Structures are given as C-alpha cells and as structure tokens.
Amino acid sequence: MNNKIDTITYKVGMKIRIERMKKGLSQEKLAELAKIGTNSVGGIERGEQSPTVETMAAIANALEIELYKLFIFDI
C-alpha cells in the first residue's frame, strides 16, 4: 500500500467528492452544511487530511446519507 490511491484516506475523500457532486454541491456549500472549513473539505477530498469520526458524521449528515455509505468503495 505505498500508492496514495490505495489508502483509506484517499478512498474516503474520493467517495465524499462523488457524493457531493451527485448532490450538486460545491465544496463551499458542503463545508457550510457540515459546519467545517472549506479548506478542510478540499484536503479531505484530495486525501491529504484524514477526517475525525465527528467530521465524517457531519459530512454524511450534510450529504443526507448514512455514515457507513462513505466507506463503500465502488471506485
């Protein structure tokens, strides 16, 4: 697992990006709805930041999906 795209952090970030885009939300709007920073959303989506459980729950809530669905990778 020395490749960035094989990491759980990267996969979660990509899943969040996909779900955000399905909802037609900008990173700014997702950040606002989840009450987190816009820079955090970008970092998480790029796999540069590993979100806390609380942040993941806030993002899932903002995306109106169940938390566990952010860990189902079909990408």
C-alpha atoms as a PDB file:
ATOM      1  CA  MET A   1       0.000   0.000   0.000  1.00  0.00           C
ATOM      2  CA  ASN A   2       2.626   2.528  -0.941  1.00  0.00           C
ATOM      3  CA  ASN A   3       0.395   4.103  -3.555  1.00  0.00           C
ATOM      4  CA  LYS A   4      -1.690   7.084  -2.392  1.00  0.00           C
ATOM      5  CA  ILE A   5      -4.846   5.848  -4.151  1.00  0.00           C
ATOM      6  CA  ASP A   6      -4.726   2.630  -2.119  1.00  0.00           C
ATOM      7  CA  THR A   7      -5.105   4.454   1.196  1.00  0.00           C
ATOM      8  CA  ILE A   8      -8.374   4.589   3.115  1.00  0.00           C
ATOM      9  CA  THR A   9      -7.949   8.356   3.482  1.00  0.00           C
ATOM     10  CA  TYR A  10      -7.847   8.779  -0.293  1.00  0.00           C
ATOM     11  CA  LYS A  11     -10.784   6.419  -0.883  1.00  0.00           C
ATOM     12  CA  VAL A  12     -12.950   8.175   1.714  1.00  0.00           C
ATOM     13  CA  GLY A  13     -12.067  11.539   0.188  1.00  0.00           C
ATOM     14  CA  MET A  14     -12.999  10.390  -3.295  1.00  0.00           C
ATOM     15  CA  LYS A  15     -16.263   8.930  -2.007  1.00  0.00           C
ATOM     16  CA  ILE A  16     -17.122  12.243  -0.348  1.00  0.00           C
ATOM     17  CA  ARG A  17     -16.326  14.090  -3.583  1.00  0.00           C
ATOM     18  CA  ILE A  18     -18.523  11.727  -5.608  1.00  0.00           C
ATOM     19  CA  GLU A  19     -21.443  12.044  -3.186  1.00  0.00           C
ATOM     20  CA  ARG A  20     -21.039  15.831  -3.045  1.00  0.00           C
ATOM     21  CA  MET A  21     -21.102  16.096  -6.818  1.00  0.00           C
ATOM     22  CA  LYS A  22     -24.162  13.799  -7.038  1.00  0.00           C
ATOM     23  CA  LYS A  23     -25.966  16.310  -4.812  1.00  0.00           C
ATOM     24  CA  GLY A  24     -24.769  19.224  -6.942  1.00  0.00           C
ATOM     25  CA  LEU A  25     -22.987  20.838  -4.006  1.00  0.00           C
ATOM     26  CA  SER A  26     -19.853  22.948  -4.156  1.00  0.00           C
ATOM     27  CA  GLN A  27     -17.096  22.351  -1.622  1.00  0.00           C
ATOM     28  CA  GLU A  28     -18.100  25.655  -0.048  1.00  0.00           C
ATOM     29  CA  LYS A  29     -21.741  24.601   0.337  1.00  0.00           C
ATOM     30  CA  LEU A  30     -20.774  21.207   1.794  1.00  0.00           C
ATOM     31  CA  ALA A  31     -18.459  22.955   4.250  1.00  0.00           C
ATOM     32  CA  GLU A  32     -21.262  25.298   5.266  1.00  0.00           C
ATOM     33  CA  LEU A  33     -23.777  22.476   5.731  1.00  0.00           C
ATOM     34  CA  ALA A  34     -21.284  20.330   7.675  1.00  0.00           C
ATOM     35  CA  LYS A  35     -20.032  23.335   9.674  1.00  0.00           C
ATOM     36  CA  ILE A  36     -16.402  22.703   8.749  1.00  0.00           C
ATOM     37  CA  GLY A  37     -13.846  24.744   6.851  1.00  0.00           C
ATOM     38  CA  THR A  38     -13.789  24.860   3.071  1.00  0.00           C
ATOM     39  CA  ASN A  39     -10.058  24.093   3.150  1.00  0.00           C
ATOM     40  CA  SER A  40     -10.845  21.003   5.209  1.00  0.00           C
ATOM     41  CA  VAL A  41     -13.307  19.738   2.601  1.00  0.00           C
ATOM     42  CA  GLY A  42     -10.698  20.184  -0.134  1.00  0.00           C
ATOM     43  CA  GLY A  43      -7.994  18.463   1.910  1.00  0.00           C
ATOM     44  CA  ILE A  44     -10.264  15.563   2.780  1.00  0.00           C
ATOM     45  CA  GLU A  45     -11.392  15.109  -0.829  1.00  0.00           C
ATOM     46  CA  ARG A  46      -7.782  15.098  -2.044  1.00  0.00           C
ATOM     47  CA  GLY A  47      -6.825  12.501   0.577  1.00  0.00           C
ATOM     48  CA  GLU A  48      -4.472  14.939   2.291  1.00  0.00           C
ATOM     49  CA  GLN A  49      -6.456  15.089   5.546  1.00  0.00           C
ATOM     50  CA  SER A  50      -7.939  12.224   7.495  1.00  0.00           C
ATOM     51  CA  PRO A  51     -11.256  13.392   8.954  1.00  0.00           C
ATOM     52  CA  THR A  52     -12.321  12.614  12.513  1.00  0.00           C
ATOM     53  CA  VAL A  53     -15.376  10.486  13.151  1.00  0.00           C
ATOM     54  CA  GLU A  54     -17.251  13.656  14.155  1.00  0.00           C
ATOM     55  CA  THR A  55     -16.310  15.336  10.868  1.00  0.00           C
ATOM     56  CA  MET A  56     -17.311  12.245   8.898  1.00  0.00           C
ATOM     57  CA  ALA A  57     -20.692  12.220  10.657  1.00  0.00           C
ATOM     58  CA  ALA A  58     -21.191  15.929   9.902  1.00  0.00           C
ATOM     59  CA  ILE A  59     -20.333  15.378   6.238  1.00  0.00           C
ATOM     60  CA  ALA A  60     -22.653  12.367   5.961  1.00  0.00           C
ATOM     61  CA  ASN A  61     -25.434  14.381   7.580  1.00  0.00           C
ATOM     62  CA  ALA A  62     -24.820  17.296   5.197  1.00  0.00           C
ATOM     63  CA  LEU A  63     -24.912  14.887   2.250  1.00  0.00           C
ATOM     64  CA  GLU A  64     -28.085  13.287   3.649  1.00  0.00           C
ATOM     65  CA  ILE A  65     -26.605   9.788   3.549  1.00  0.00           C
ATOM     66  CA  GLU A  66     -25.849   7.239   6.240  1.00  0.00           C
ATOM     67  CA  LEU A  67     -22.293   7.386   7.571  1.00  0.00           C
ATOM     68  CA  TYR A  68     -21.426   3.817   6.623  1.00  0.00           C
ATOM     69  CA  LYS A  69     -22.069   4.592   2.960  1.00  0.00           C
ATOM     70  CA  LEU A  70     -18.952   6.767   2.909  1.00  0.00           C
ATOM     71  CA  PHE A  71     -16.986   3.533   3.417  1.00  0.00           C
ATOM     72  CA  ILE A  72     -18.485   1.615   0.491  1.00  0.00           C
ATOM     73  CA  PHE A  73     -15.984   1.973  -2.313  1.00  0.00           C
ATOM     74  CA  ASP A  74     -17.045   1.199  -5.834  1.00  0.00           C
ATOM     75  CA  ILE A  75     -14.343   3.457  -7.216  1.00  0.00           C
END
